[in-house]
């Protein structure tokens, strides 16, 4: 799901950190369960699974290069198994992969490359 780096909010009082964390935790189930209920019976195609594996590969790349917690742990000789525990169990890489035009995957790539102000 992700994590929160509280050092970005080091101007906050510790009690505010606690309340913020509680609010975040309280929002997870009400936000996530409806998504699960809506999609739990959907069939997943091999192409969708392949796409998921490719996206996981990009997550791994980001995590190893840019994630502050991961890079800190690796640079300070932390326990590698613990540091890499957040990585997906399986992933895939393909050179210059482009999804087929008109697919939901192509639409997602367009969103990644051309961010929009959704709010």
Foldseek 3Di string as FASTA:
>chain_A
DDDDDCVVVVVDDVVVVVVVVVVVVVVCCVVPVVVCVVPVPDDADPVNVQLVQAVLVVVVVCLCPPNPQLVVCVVVVHDNCVSCVPRDPGHDDDPPDADDPPDVSNVVVVCVVPPDDPD
